[in-house]
Amino acid sequence: LIRYGVRDDNLFGRGLSLNLRGQWQ
């Protein structure tokens, strides 16, 4: 099982939050 994720809470200087999460099994 592999889990991964990456997140940023301030894209474009506007506070846009983008959260990518994934799981492979």
PDBML (XML) file of the C-alpha atoms, coordinates in Angstrom:
<?xml version="1.0" encoding="UTF-8" ?>
<PDBx:datablock datablockName="MODEL"
   xmlns:PDBx="http://pdbml.pdb.org/schema/pdbx-v50.xsd"
   xmlns:xsi="http://www.w3.org/2001/XMLSchema-instance"
   xsi:schemaLocation="http://pdbml.pdb.org/schema/pdbx-v50.xsd pdbx-v50.xsd">
   <PDBx:atom_siteCategory>
      <PDBx:atom_site id="1">
         <PDBx:B_iso_or_equiv>0.00</PDBx:B_iso_or_equiv>
         <PDBx:Cartn_x>0.000</PDBx:Cartn_x>
         <PDBx:Cartn_y>0.000</PDBx:Cartn_y>
         <PDBx:Cartn_z>0.000</PDBx:Cartn_z>
         <PDBx:auth_asym_id>A</PDBx:auth_asym_id>
         <PDBx:auth_atom_id>CA</PDBx:auth_atom_id>
         <PDBx:auth_comp_id>LEU</PDBx:auth_comp_id>
         <PDBx:auth_seq_id>1</PDBx:auth_seq_id>
         <PDBx:group_PDB>ATOM</PDBx:group_PDB>
         <PDBx:label_alt_id xsi:nil="true" />
         <PDBx:label_asym_id>A</PDBx:label_asym_id>
         <PDBx:label_atom_id>CA</PDBx:label_atom_id>
         <PDBx:label_comp_id>LEU</PDBx:label_comp_id>
         <PDBx:label_entity_id>1</PDBx:label_entity_id>
         <PDBx:label_seq_id>1</PDBx:label_seq_id>
         <PDBx:occupancy>1.00</PDBx:occupancy>
         <PDBx:pdbx_PDB_model_num>1</PDBx:pdbx_PDB_model_num>
         <PDBx:type_symbol>C</PDBx:type_symbol>
      </PDBx:atom_site>
      <PDBx:atom_site id="2">
         <PDBx:B_iso_or_equiv>0.00</PDBx:B_iso_or_equiv>
         <PDBx:Cartn_x>1.330</PDBx:Cartn_x>
         <PDBx:Cartn_y>3.453</PDBx:Cartn_y>
         <PDBx:Cartn_z>-0.922</PDBx:Cartn_z>
         <PDBx:auth_asym_id>A</PDBx:auth_asym_id>
         <PDBx:auth_atom_id>CA</PDBx:auth_atom_id>
         <PDBx:auth_comp_id>ILE</PDBx:auth_comp_id>
         <PDBx:auth_seq_id>2</PDBx:auth_seq_id>
         <PDBx:group_PDB>ATOM</PDBx:group_PDB>
         <PDBx:label_alt_id xsi:nil="true" />
         <PDBx:label_asym_id>A</PDBx:label_asym_id>
         <PDBx:label_atom_id>CA</PDBx:label_atom_id>
         <PDBx:label_comp_id>ILE</PDBx:label_comp_id>
         <PDBx:label_entity_id>1</PDBx:label_entity_id>
         <PDBx:label_seq_id>2</PDBx:label_seq_id>
         <PDBx:occupancy>1.00</PDBx:occupancy>
         <PDBx:pdbx_PDB_model_num>1</PDBx:pdbx_PDB_model_num>
         <PDBx:type_symbol>C</PDBx:type_symbol>
      </PDBx:atom_site>
      <PDBx:atom_site id="3">
         <PDBx:B_iso_or_equiv>0.00</PDBx:B_iso_or_equiv>
         <PDBx:Cartn_x>-0.234</PDBx:Cartn_x>
         <PDBx:Cartn_y>6.755</PDBx:Cartn_y>
         <PDBx:Cartn_z>0.119</PDBx:Cartn_z>
         <PDBx:auth_asym_id>A</PDBx:auth_asym_id>
         <PDBx:auth_atom_id>CA</PDBx:auth_atom_id>
         <PDBx:auth_comp_id>ARG</PDBx:auth_comp_id>
         <PDBx:auth_seq_id>3</PDBx:auth_seq_id>
         <PDBx:group_PDB>ATOM</PDBx:group_PDB>
         <PDBx:label_alt_id xsi:nil="true" />
         <PDBx:label_asym_id>A</PDBx:label_asym_id>
         <PDBx:label_atom_id>CA</PDBx:label_atom_id>
         <PDBx:label_comp_id>ARG</PDBx:label_comp_id>
         <PDBx:label_entity_id>1</PDBx:label_entity_id>
         <PDBx:label_seq_id>3</PDBx:label_seq_id>
         <PDBx:occupancy>1.00</PDBx:occupancy>
         <PDBx:pdbx_PDB_model_num>1</PDBx:pdbx_PDB_model_num>
         <PDBx:type_symbol>C</PDBx:type_symbol>
      </PDBx:atom_site>
      <PDBx:atom_site id="4">
         <PDBx:B_iso_or_equiv>0.00</PDBx:B_iso_or_equiv>
         <PDBx:Cartn_x>0.898</PDBx:Cartn_x>
         <PDBx:Cartn_y>10.178</PDBx:Cartn_y>
         <PDBx:Cartn_z>-1.031</PDBx:Cartn_z>
         <PDBx:auth_asym_id>A</PDBx:auth_asym_id>
         <PDBx:auth_atom_id>CA</PDBx:auth_atom_id>
         <PDBx:auth_comp_id>TYR</PDBx:auth_comp_id>
         <PDBx:auth_seq_id>4</PDBx:auth_seq_id>
         <PDBx:group_PDB>ATOM</PDBx:group_PDB>
         <PDBx:label_alt_id xsi:nil="true" />
         <PDBx:label_asym_id>A</PDBx:label_asym_id>
         <PDBx:label_atom_id>CA</PDBx:label_atom_id>
         <PDBx:label_comp_id>TYR</PDBx:label_comp_id>
         <PDBx:label_entity_id>1</PDBx:label_entity_id>
         <PDBx:label_seq_id>4</PDBx:label_seq_id>
         <PDBx:occupancy>1.00</PDBx:occupancy>
         <PDBx:pdbx_PDB_model_num>1</PDBx:pdbx_PDB_model_num>
         <PDBx:type_symbol>C</PDBx:type_symbol>
      </PDBx:atom_site>
      <PDBx:atom_site id="5">
         <PDBx:B_iso_or_equiv>0.00</PDBx:B_iso_or_equiv>
         <PDBx:Cartn_x>-0.203</PDBx:Cartn_x>
         <PDBx:Cartn_y>13.788</PDBx:Cartn_y>
         <PDBx:Cartn_z>-0.864</PDBx:Cartn_z>
         <PDBx:auth_asym_id>A</PDBx:auth_asym_id>
         <PDBx:auth_atom_id>CA</PDBx:auth_atom_id>
         <PDBx:auth_comp_id>GLY</PDBx:auth_comp_id>
         <PDBx:auth_seq_id>5</PDBx:auth_seq_id>
         <PDBx:group_PDB>ATOM</PDBx:group_PDB>
         <PDBx:label_alt_id xsi:nil="true" />
         <PDBx:label_asym_id>A</PDBx:label_asym_id>
         <PDBx:label_atom_id>CA</PDBx:label_atom_id>
         <PDBx:label_comp_id>GLY</PDBx:label_comp_id>
         <PDBx:label_entity_id>1</PDBx:label_entity_id>
         <PDBx:label_seq_id>5</PDBx:label_seq_id>
         <PDBx:occupancy>1.00</PDBx:occupancy>
         <PDBx:pdbx_PDB_model_num>1</PDBx:pdbx_PDB_model_num>
         <PDBx:type_symbol>C</PDBx:type_symbol>
      </PDBx:atom_site>
      <PDBx:atom_site id="6">
         <PDBx:B_iso_or_equiv>0.00</PDBx:B_iso_or_equiv>
         <PDBx:Cartn_x>0.841</PDBx:Cartn_x>
         <PDBx:Cartn_y>17.357</PDBx:Cartn_y>
         <PDBx:Cartn_z>-1.551</PDBx:Cartn_z>
         <PDBx:auth_asym_id>A</PDBx:auth_asym_id>
         <PDBx:auth_atom_id>CA</PDBx:auth_atom_id>
         <PDBx:auth_comp_id>VAL</PDBx:auth_comp_id>
         <PDBx:auth_seq_id>6</PDBx:auth_seq_id>
         <PDBx:group_PDB>ATOM</PDBx:group_PDB>
         <PDBx:label_alt_id xsi:nil="true" />
         <PDBx:label_asym_id>A</PDBx:label_asym_id>
         <PDBx:label_atom_id>CA</PDBx:label_atom_id>
         <PDBx:label_comp_id>VAL</PDBx:label_comp_id>
         <PDBx:label_entity_id>1</PDBx:label_entity_id>
         <PDBx:label_seq_id>6</PDBx:label_seq_id>
         <PDBx:occupancy>1.00</PDBx:occupancy>
         <PDBx:pdbx_PDB_model_num>1</PDBx:pdbx_PDB_model_num>
         <PDBx:type_symbol>C</PDBx:type_symbol>
      </PDBx:atom_site>
      <PDBx:atom_site id="7">
         <PDBx:B_iso_or_equiv>0.00</PDBx:B_iso_or_equiv>
         <PDBx:Cartn_x>-0.868</PDBx:Cartn_x>
         <PDBx:Cartn_y>20.569</PDBx:Cartn_y>
         <PDBx:Cartn_z>-0.485</PDBx:Cartn_z>
         <PDBx:auth_asym_id>A</PDBx:auth_asym_id>
         <PDBx:auth_atom_id>CA</PDBx:auth_atom_id>
         <PDBx:auth_comp_id>ARG</PDBx:auth_comp_id>
         <PDBx:auth_seq_id>7</PDBx:auth_seq_id>
         <PDBx:group_PDB>ATOM</PDBx:group_PDB>
         <PDBx:label_alt_id xsi:nil="true" />
         <PDBx:label_asym_id>A</PDBx:label_asym_id>
         <PDBx:label_atom_id>CA</PDBx:label_atom_id>
         <PDBx:label_comp_id>ARG</PDBx:label_comp_id>
         <PDBx:label_entity_id>1</PDBx:label_entity_id>
         <PDBx:label_seq_id>7</PDBx:label_seq_id>
         <PDBx:occupancy>1.00</PDBx:occupancy>
         <PDBx:pdbx_PDB_model_num>1</PDBx:pdbx_PDB_model_num>
         <PDBx:type_symbol>C</PDBx:type_symbol>
      </PDBx:atom_site>
      <PDBx:atom_site id="8">
         <PDBx:B_iso_or_equiv>0.00</PDBx:B_iso_or_equiv>
         <PDBx:Cartn_x>-0.539</PDBx:Cartn_x>
         <PDBx:Cartn_y>24.328</PDBx:Cartn_y>
         <PDBx:Cartn_z>-0.867</PDBx:Cartn_z>
         <PDBx:auth_asym_id>A</PDBx:auth_asym_id>
         <PDBx:auth_atom_id>CA</PDBx:auth_atom_id>
         <PDBx:auth_comp_id>ASP</PDBx:auth_comp_id>
         <PDBx:auth_seq_id>8</PDBx:auth_seq_id>
         <PDBx:group_PDB>ATOM</PDBx:group_PDB>
         <PDBx:label_alt_id xsi:nil="true" />
         <PDBx:label_asym_id>A</PDBx:label_asym_id>
         <PDBx:label_atom_id>CA</PDBx:label_atom_id>
         <PDBx:label_comp_id>ASP</PDBx:label_comp_id>
         <PDBx:label_entity_id>1</PDBx:label_entity_id>
         <PDBx:label_seq_id>8</PDBx:label_seq_id>
         <PDBx:occupancy>1.00</PDBx:occupancy>
         <PDBx:pdbx_PDB_model_num>1</PDBx:pdbx_PDB_model_num>
         <PDBx:type_symbol>C</PDBx:type_symbol>
      </PDBx:atom_site>
      <PDBx:atom_site id="9">
         <PDBx:B_iso_or_equiv>0.00</PDBx:B_iso_or_equiv>
         <PDBx:Cartn_x>-2.824</PDBx:Cartn_x>
         <PDBx:Cartn_y>26.838</PDBx:Cartn_y>
         <PDBx:Cartn_z>0.875</PDBx:Cartn_z>
         <PDBx:auth_asym_id>A</PDBx:auth_asym_id>
         <PDBx:auth_atom_id>CA</PDBx:auth_atom_id>
         <PDBx:auth_comp_id>ASP</PDBx:auth_comp_id>
         <PDBx:auth_seq_id>9</PDBx:auth_seq_id>
         <PDBx:group_PDB>ATOM</PDBx:group_PDB>
         <PDBx:label_alt_id xsi:nil="true" />
         <PDBx:label_asym_id>A</PDBx:label_asym_id>
         <PDBx:label_atom_id>CA</PDBx:label_atom_id>
         <PDBx:label_comp_id>ASP</PDBx:label_comp_id>
         <PDBx:label_entity_id>1</PDBx:label_entity_id>
         <PDBx:label_seq_id>9</PDBx:label_seq_id>
         <PDBx:occupancy>1.00</PDBx:occupancy>
         <PDBx:pdbx_PDB_model_num>1</PDBx:pdbx_PDB_model_num>
         <PDBx:type_symbol>C</PDBx:type_symbol>
      </PDBx:atom_site>
      <PDBx:atom_site id="10">
         <PDBx:B_iso_or_equiv>0.00</PDBx:B_iso_or_equiv>
         <PDBx:Cartn_x>-1.902</PDBx:Cartn_x>
         <PDBx:Cartn_y>30.033</PDBx:Cartn_y>
         <PDBx:Cartn_z>-0.943</PDBx:Cartn_z>
         <PDBx:auth_asym_id>A</PDBx:auth_asym_id>
         <PDBx:auth_atom_id>CA</PDBx:auth_atom_id>
         <PDBx:auth_comp_id>ASN</PDBx:auth_comp_id>
         <PDBx:auth_seq_id>10</PDBx:auth_seq_id>
         <PDBx:group_PDB>ATOM</PDBx:group_PDB>
         <PDBx:label_alt_id xsi:nil="true" />
         <PDBx:label_asym_id>A</PDBx:label_asym_id>
         <PDBx:label_atom_id>CA</PDBx:label_atom_id>
         <PDBx:label_comp_id>ASN</PDBx:label_comp_id>
         <PDBx:label_entity_id>1</PDBx:label_entity_id>
         <PDBx:label_seq_id>10</PDBx:label_seq_id>
         <PDBx:occupancy>1.00</PDBx:occupancy>
         <PDBx:pdbx_PDB_model_num>1</PDBx:pdbx_PDB_model_num>
         <PDBx:type_symbol>C</PDBx:type_symbol>
      </PDBx:atom_site>
      <PDBx:atom_site id="11">
         <PDBx:B_iso_or_equiv>0.00</PDBx:B_iso_or_equiv>
         <PDBx:Cartn_x>-1.873</PDBx:Cartn_x>
         <PDBx:Cartn_y>29.650</PDBx:Cartn_y>
         <PDBx:Cartn_z>-4.687</PDBx:Cartn_z>
         <PDBx:auth_asym_id>A</PDBx:auth_asym_id>
         <PDBx:auth_atom_id>CA</PDBx:auth_atom_id>
         <PDBx:auth_comp_id>LEU</PDBx:auth_comp_id>
         <PDBx:auth_seq_id>11</PDBx:auth_seq_id>
         <PDBx:group_PDB>ATOM</PDBx:group_PDB>
         <PDBx:label_alt_id xsi:nil="true" />
         <PDBx:label_asym_id>A</PDBx:label_asym_id>
         <PDBx:label_atom_id>CA</PDBx:label_atom_id>
         <PDBx:label_comp_id>LEU</PDBx:label_comp_id>
         <PDBx:label_entity_id>1</PDBx:label_entity_id>
         <PDBx:label_seq_id>11</PDBx:label_seq_id>
         <PDBx:occupancy>1.00</PDBx:occupancy>
         <PDBx:pdbx_PDB_model_num>1</PDBx:pdbx_PDB_model_num>
         <PDBx:type_symbol>C</PDBx:type_symbol>
      </PDBx:atom_site>
      <PDBx:atom_site id="12">
         <PDBx:B_iso_or_equiv>0.00</PDBx:B_iso_or_equiv>
         <PDBx:Cartn_x>-1.859</PDBx:Cartn_x>
         <PDBx:Cartn_y>32.823</PDBx:Cartn_y>
         <PDBx:Cartn_z>-6.825</PDBx:Cartn_z>
         <PDBx:auth_asym_id>A</PDBx:auth_asym_id>
         <PDBx:auth_atom_id>CA</PDBx:auth_atom_id>
         <PDBx:auth_comp_id>PHE</PDBx:auth_comp_id>
         <PDBx:auth_seq_id>12</PDBx:auth_seq_id>
         <PDBx:group_PDB>ATOM</PDBx:group_PDB>
         <PDBx:label_alt_id xsi:nil="true" />
         <PDBx:label_asym_id>A</PDBx:label_asym_id>
         <PDBx:label_atom_id>CA</PDBx:label_atom_id>
         <PDBx:label_comp_id>PHE</PDBx:label_comp_id>
         <PDBx:label_entity_id>1</PDBx:label_entity_id>
         <PDBx:label_seq_id>12</PDBx:label_seq_id>
         <PDBx:occupancy>1.00</PDBx:occupancy>
         <PDBx:pdbx_PDB_model_num>1</PDBx:pdbx_PDB_model_num>
         <PDBx:type_symbol>C</PDBx:type_symbol>
      </PDBx:atom_site>
      <PDBx:atom_site id="13">
         <PDBx:B_iso_or_equiv>0.00</PDBx:B_iso_or_equiv>
         <PDBx:Cartn_x>-1.455</PDBx:Cartn_x>
         <PDBx:Cartn_y>34.932</PDBx:Cartn_y>
         <PDBx:Cartn_z>-3.681</PDBx:Cartn_z>
         <PDBx:auth_asym_id>A</PDBx:auth_asym_id>
         <PDBx:auth_atom_id>CA</PDBx:auth_atom_id>
         <PDBx:auth_comp_id>GLY</PDBx:auth_comp_id>
         <PDBx:auth_seq_id>13</PDBx:auth_seq_id>
         <PDBx:group_PDB>ATOM</PDBx:group_PDB>
         <PDBx:label_alt_id xsi:nil="true" />
         <PDBx:label_asym_id>A</PDBx:label_asym_id>
         <PDBx:label_atom_id>CA</PDBx:label_atom_id>
         <PDBx:label_comp_id>GLY</PDBx:label_comp_id>
         <PDBx:label_entity_id>1</PDBx:label_entity_id>
         <PDBx:label_seq_id>13</PDBx:label_seq_id>
         <PDBx:occupancy>1.00</PDBx:occupancy>
         <PDBx:pdbx_PDB_model_num>1</PDBx:pdbx_PDB_model_num>
         <PDBx:type_symbol>C</PDBx:type_symbol>
      </PDBx:atom_site>
      <PDBx:atom_site id="14">
         <PDBx:B_iso_or_equiv>0.00</PDBx:B_iso_or_equiv>
         <PDBx:Cartn_x>-5.223</PDBx:Cartn_x>
         <PDBx:Cartn_y>34.638</PDBx:Cartn_y>
         <PDBx:Cartn_z>-3.205</PDBx:Cartn_z>
         <PDBx:auth_asym_id>A</PDBx:auth_asym_id>
         <PDBx:auth_atom_id>CA</PDBx:auth_atom_id>
         <PDBx:auth_comp_id>ARG</PDBx:auth_comp_id>
         <PDBx:auth_seq_id>14</PDBx:auth_seq_id>
         <PDBx:group_PDB>ATOM</PDBx:group_PDB>
         <PDBx:label_alt_id xsi:nil="true" />
         <PDBx:label_asym_id>A</PDBx:label_asym_id>
         <PDBx:label_atom_id>CA</PDBx:label_atom_id>
         <PDBx:label_comp_id>ARG</PDBx:label_comp_id>
         <PDBx:label_entity_id>1</PDBx:label_entity_id>
         <PDBx:label_seq_id>14</PDBx:label_seq_id>
         <PDBx:occupancy>1.00</PDBx:occupancy>
         <PDBx:pdbx_PDB_model_num>1</PDBx:pdbx_PDB_model_num>
         <PDBx:type_symbol>C</PDBx:type_symbol>
      </PDBx:atom_site>
      <PDBx:atom_site id="15">
         <PDBx:B_iso_or_equiv>0.00</PDBx:B_iso_or_equiv>
         <PDBx:Cartn_x>-5.349</PDBx:Cartn_x>
         <PDBx:Cartn_y>31.942</PDBx:Cartn_y>
         <PDBx:Cartn_z>-0.529</PDBx:Cartn_z>
         <PDBx:auth_asym_id>A</PDBx:auth_asym_id>
         <PDBx:auth_atom_id>CA</PDBx:auth_atom_id>
         <PDBx:auth_comp_id>GLY</PDBx:auth_comp_id>
         <PDBx:auth_seq_id>15</PDBx:auth_seq_id>
         <PDBx:group_PDB>ATOM</PDBx:group_PDB>
         <PDBx:label_alt_id xsi:nil="true" />
         <PDBx:label_asym_id>A</PDBx:label_asym_id>
         <PDBx:label_atom_id>CA</PDBx:label_atom_id>
         <PDBx:label_comp_id>GLY</PDBx:label_comp_id>
         <PDBx:label_entity_id>1</PDBx:label_entity_id>
         <PDBx:label_seq_id>15</PDBx:label_seq_id>
         <PDBx:occupancy>1.00</PDBx:occupancy>
         <PDBx:pdbx_PDB_model_num>1</PDBx:pdbx_PDB_model_num>
         <PDBx:type_symbol>C</PDBx:type_symbol>
      </PDBx:atom_site>
      <PDBx:atom_site id="16">
         <PDBx:B_iso_or_equiv>0.00</PDBx:B_iso_or_equiv>
         <PDBx:Cartn_x>-6.497</PDBx:Cartn_x>
         <PDBx:Cartn_y>29.256</PDBx:Cartn_y>
         <PDBx:Cartn_z>-2.964</PDBx:Cartn_z>
         <PDBx:auth_asym_id>A</PDBx:auth_asym_id>
         <PDBx:auth_atom_id>CA</PDBx:auth_atom_id>
         <PDBx:auth_comp_id>LEU</PDBx:auth_comp_id>
         <PDBx:auth_seq_id>16</PDBx:auth_seq_id>
         <PDBx:group_PDB>ATOM</PDBx:group_PDB>
         <PDBx:label_alt_id xsi:nil="true" />
         <PDBx:label_asym_id>A</PDBx:label_asym_id>
         <PDBx:label_atom_id>CA</PDBx:label_atom_id>
         <PDBx:label_comp_id>LEU</PDBx:label_comp_id>
         <PDBx:label_entity_id>1</PDBx:label_entity_id>
         <PDBx:label_seq_id>16</PDBx:label_seq_id>
         <PDBx:occupancy>1.00</PDBx:occupancy>
         <PDBx:pdbx_PDB_model_num>1</PDBx:pdbx_PDB_model_num>
         <PDBx:type_symbol>C</PDBx:type_symbol>
      </PDBx:atom_site>
      <PDBx:atom_site id="17">
         <PDBx:B_iso_or_equiv>0.00</PDBx:B_iso_or_equiv>
         <PDBx:Cartn_x>-5.979</PDBx:Cartn_x>
         <PDBx:Cartn_y>25.899</PDBx:Cartn_y>
         <PDBx:Cartn_z>-1.260</PDBx:Cartn_z>
         <PDBx:auth_asym_id>A</PDBx:auth_asym_id>
         <PDBx:auth_atom_id>CA</PDBx:auth_atom_id>
         <PDBx:auth_comp_id>SER</PDBx:auth_comp_id>
         <PDBx:auth_seq_id>17</PDBx:auth_seq_id>
         <PDBx:group_PDB>ATOM</PDBx:group_PDB>
         <PDBx:label_alt_id xsi:nil="true" />
         <PDBx:label_asym_id>A</PDBx:label_asym_id>
         <PDBx:label_atom_id>CA</PDBx:label_atom_id>
         <PDBx:label_comp_id>SER</PDBx:label_comp_id>
         <PDBx:label_entity_id>1</PDBx:label_entity_id>
         <PDBx:label_seq_id>17</PDBx:label_seq_id>
         <PDBx:occupancy>1.00</PDBx:occupancy>
         <PDBx:pdbx_PDB_model_num>1</PDBx:pdbx_PDB_model_num>
         <PDBx:type_symbol>C</PDBx:type_symbol>
      </PDBx:atom_site>
      <PDBx:atom_site id="18">
         <PDBx:B_iso_or_equiv>0.00</PDBx:B_iso_or_equiv>
         <PDBx:Cartn_x>-5.192</PDBx:Cartn_x>
         <PDBx:Cartn_y>22.882</PDBx:Cartn_y>
         <PDBx:Cartn_z>-3.452</PDBx:Cartn_z>
         <PDBx:auth_asym_id>A</PDBx:auth_asym_id>
         <PDBx:auth_atom_id>CA</PDBx:auth_atom_id>
         <PDBx:auth_comp_id>LEU</PDBx:auth_comp_id>
         <PDBx:auth_seq_id>18</PDBx:auth_seq_id>
         <PDBx:group_PDB>ATOM</PDBx:group_PDB>
         <PDBx:label_alt_id xsi:nil="true" />
         <PDBx:label_asym_id>A</PDBx:label_asym_id>
         <PDBx:label_atom_id>CA</PDBx:label_atom_id>
         <PDBx:label_comp_id>LEU</PDBx:label_comp_id>
         <PDBx:label_entity_id>1</PDBx:label_entity_id>
         <PDBx:label_seq_id>18</PDBx:label_seq_id>
         <PDBx:occupancy>1.00</PDBx:occupancy>
         <PDBx:pdbx_PDB_model_num>1</PDBx:pdbx_PDB_model_num>
         <PDBx:type_symbol>C</PDBx:type_symbol>
      </PDBx:atom_site>
      <PDBx:atom_site id="19">
         <PDBx:B_iso_or_equiv>0.00</PDBx:B_iso_or_equiv>
         <PDBx:Cartn_x>-4.826</PDBx:Cartn_x>
         <PDBx:Cartn_y>19.464</PDBx:Cartn_y>
         <PDBx:Cartn_z>-1.831</PDBx:Cartn_z>
         <PDBx:auth_asym_id>A</PDBx:auth_asym_id>
         <PDBx:auth_atom_id>CA</PDBx:auth_atom_id>
         <PDBx:auth_comp_id>ASN</PDBx:auth_comp_id>
         <PDBx:auth_seq_id>19</PDBx:auth_seq_id>
         <PDBx:group_PDB>ATOM</PDBx:group_PDB>
         <PDBx:label_alt_id xsi:nil="true" />
         <PDBx:label_asym_id>A</PDBx:label_asym_id>
         <PDBx:label_atom_id>CA</PDBx:label_atom_id>
         <PDBx:label_comp_id>ASN</PDBx:label_comp_id>
         <PDBx:label_entity_id>1</PDBx:label_entity_id>
         <PDBx:label_seq_id>19</PDBx:label_seq_id>
         <PDBx:occupancy>1.00</PDBx:occupancy>
         <PDBx:pdbx_PDB_model_num>1</PDBx:pdbx_PDB_model_num>
         <PDBx:type_symbol>C</PDBx:type_symbol>
      </PDBx:atom_site>
      <PDBx:atom_site id="20">
         <PDBx:B_iso_or_equiv>0.00</PDBx:B_iso_or_equiv>
         <PDBx:Cartn_x>-3.877</PDBx:Cartn_x>
         <PDBx:Cartn_y>16.361</PDBx:Cartn_y>
         <PDBx:Cartn_z>-3.865</PDBx:Cartn_z>
         <PDBx:auth_asym_id>A</PDBx:auth_asym_id>
         <PDBx:auth_atom_id>CA</PDBx:auth_atom_id>
         <PDBx:auth_comp_id>LEU</PDBx:auth_comp_id>
         <PDBx:auth_seq_id>20</PDBx:auth_seq_id>
         <PDBx:group_PDB>ATOM</PDBx:group_PDB>
         <PDBx:label_alt_id xsi:nil="true" />
         <PDBx:label_asym_id>A</PDBx:label_asym_id>
         <PDBx:label_atom_id>CA</PDBx:label_atom_id>
         <PDBx:label_comp_id>LEU</PDBx:label_comp_id>
         <PDBx:label_entity_id>1</PDBx:label_entity_id>
         <PDBx:label_seq_id>20</PDBx:label_seq_id>
         <PDBx:occupancy>1.00</PDBx:occupancy>
         <PDBx:pdbx_PDB_model_num>1</PDBx:pdbx_PDB_model_num>
         <PDBx:type_symbol>C</PDBx:type_symbol>
      </PDBx:atom_site>
      <PDBx:atom_site id="21">
         <PDBx:B_iso_or_equiv>0.00</PDBx:B_iso_or_equiv>
         <PDBx:Cartn_x>-4.131</PDBx:Cartn_x>
         <PDBx:Cartn_y>12.991</PDBx:Cartn_y>
         <PDBx:Cartn_z>-2.118</PDBx:Cartn_z>
         <PDBx:auth_asym_id>A</PDBx:auth_asym_id>
         <PDBx:auth_atom_id>CA</PDBx:auth_atom_id>
         <PDBx:auth_comp_id>ARG</PDBx:auth_comp_id>
         <PDBx:auth_seq_id>21</PDBx:auth_seq_id>
         <PDBx:group_PDB>ATOM</PDBx:group_PDB>
         <PDBx:label_alt_id xsi:nil="true" />
         <PDBx:label_asym_id>A</PDBx:label_asym_id>
         <PDBx:label_atom_id>CA</PDBx:label_atom_id>
         <PDBx:label_comp_id>ARG</PDBx:label_comp_id>
         <PDBx:label_entity_id>1</PDBx:label_entity_id>
         <PDBx:label_seq_id>21</PDBx:label_seq_id>
         <PDBx:occupancy>1.00</PDBx:occupancy>
         <PDBx:pdbx_PDB_model_num>1</PDBx:pdbx_PDB_model_num>
         <PDBx:type_symbol>C</PDBx:type_symbol>
      </PDBx:atom_site>
      <PDBx:atom_site id="22">
         <PDBx:B_iso_or_equiv>0.00</PDBx:B_iso_or_equiv>
         <PDBx:Cartn_x>-3.801</PDBx:Cartn_x>
         <PDBx:Cartn_y>9.519</PDBx:Cartn_y>
         <PDBx:Cartn_z>-3.535</PDBx:Cartn_z>
         <PDBx:auth_asym_id>A</PDBx:auth_asym_id>
         <PDBx:auth_atom_id>CA</PDBx:auth_atom_id>
         <PDBx:auth_comp_id>GLY</PDBx:auth_comp_id>
         <PDBx:auth_seq_id>22</PDBx:auth_seq_id>
         <PDBx:group_PDB>ATOM</PDBx:group_PDB>
         <PDBx:label_alt_id xsi:nil="true" />
         <PDBx:label_asym_id>A</PDBx:label_asym_id>
         <PDBx:label_atom_id>CA</PDBx:label_atom_id>
         <PDBx:label_comp_id>GLY</PDBx:label_comp_id>
         <PDBx:label_entity_id>1</PDBx:label_entity_id>
         <PDBx:label_seq_id>22</PDBx:label_seq_id>
         <PDBx:occupancy>1.00</PDBx:occupancy>
         <PDBx:pdbx_PDB_model_num>1</PDBx:pdbx_PDB_model_num>
         <PDBx:type_symbol>C</PDBx:type_symbol>
      </PDBx:atom_site>
      <PDBx:atom_site id="23">
         <PDBx:B_iso_or_equiv>0.00</PDBx:B_iso_or_equiv>
         <PDBx:Cartn_x>-3.591</PDBx:Cartn_x>
         <PDBx:Cartn_y>5.851</PDBx:Cartn_y>
         <PDBx:Cartn_z>-2.643</PDBx:Cartn_z>
         <PDBx:auth_asym_id>A</PDBx:auth_asym_id>
         <PDBx:auth_atom_id>CA</PDBx:auth_atom_id>
         <PDBx:auth_comp_id>GLN</PDBx:auth_comp_id>
         <PDBx:auth_seq_id>23</PDBx:auth_seq_id>
         <PDBx:group_PDB>ATOM</PDBx:group_PDB>
         <PDBx:label_alt_id xsi:nil="true" />
         <PDBx:label_asym_id>A</PDBx:label_asym_id>
         <PDBx:label_atom_id>CA</PDBx:label_atom_id>
         <PDBx:label_comp_id>GLN</PDBx:label_comp_id>
         <PDBx:label_entity_id>1</PDBx:label_entity_id>
         <PDBx:label_seq_id>23</PDBx:label_seq_id>
         <PDBx:occupancy>1.00</PDBx:occupancy>
         <PDBx:pdbx_PDB_model_num>1</PDBx:pdbx_PDB_model_num>
         <PDBx:type_symbol>C</PDBx:type_symbol>
      </PDBx:atom_site>
      <PDBx:atom_site id="24">
         <PDBx:B_iso_or_equiv>0.00</PDBx:B_iso_or_equiv>
         <PDBx:Cartn_x>-2.260</PDBx:Cartn_x>
         <PDBx:Cartn_y>2.895</PDBx:Cartn_y>
         <PDBx:Cartn_z>-4.637</PDBx:Cartn_z>
         <PDBx:auth_asym_id>A</PDBx:auth_asym_id>
         <PDBx:auth_atom_id>CA</PDBx:auth_atom_id>
         <PDBx:auth_comp_id>TRP</PDBx:auth_comp_id>
         <PDBx:auth_seq_id>24</PDBx:auth_seq_id>
         <PDBx:group_PDB>ATOM</PDBx:group_PDB>
         <PDBx:label_alt_id xsi:nil="true" />
         <PDBx:label_asym_id>A</PDBx:label_asym_id>
         <PDBx:label_atom_id>CA</PDBx:label_atom_id>
         <PDBx:label_comp_id>TRP</PDBx:label_comp_id>
         <PDBx:label_entity_id>1</PDBx:label_entity_id>
         <PDBx:label_seq_id>24</PDBx:label_seq_id>
         <PDBx:occupancy>1.00</PDBx:occupancy>
         <PDBx:pdbx_PDB_model_num>1</PDBx:pdbx_PDB_model_num>
         <PDBx:type_symbol>C</PDBx:type_symbol>
      </PDBx:atom_site>
      <PDBx:atom_site id="25">
         <PDBx:B_iso_or_equiv>0.00</PDBx:B_iso_or_equiv>
         <PDBx:Cartn_x>-2.911</PDBx:Cartn_x>
         <PDBx:Cartn_y>-0.699</PDBx:Cartn_y>
         <PDBx:Cartn_z>-3.694</PDBx:Cartn_z>
         <PDBx:auth_asym_id>A</PDBx:auth_asym_id>
         <PDBx:auth_atom_id>CA</PDBx:auth_atom_id>
         <PDBx:auth_comp_id>GLN</PDBx:auth_comp_id>
         <PDBx:auth_seq_id>25</PDBx:auth_seq_id>
         <PDBx:group_PDB>ATOM</PDBx:group_PDB>
         <PDBx:label_alt_id xsi:nil="true" />
         <PDBx:label_asym_id>A</PDBx:label_asym_id>
         <PDBx:label_atom_id>CA</PDBx:label_atom_id>
         <PDBx:label_comp_id>GLN</PDBx:label_comp_id>
         <PDBx:label_entity_id>1</PDBx:label_entity_id>
         <PDBx:label_seq_id>25</PDBx:label_seq_id>
         <PDBx:occupancy>1.00</PDBx:occupancy>
         <PDBx:pdbx_PDB_model_num>1</PDBx:pdbx_PDB_model_num>
         <PDBx:type_symbol>C</PDBx:type_symbol>
      </PDBx:atom_site>
   </PDBx:atom_siteCategory>
</PDBx:datablock>
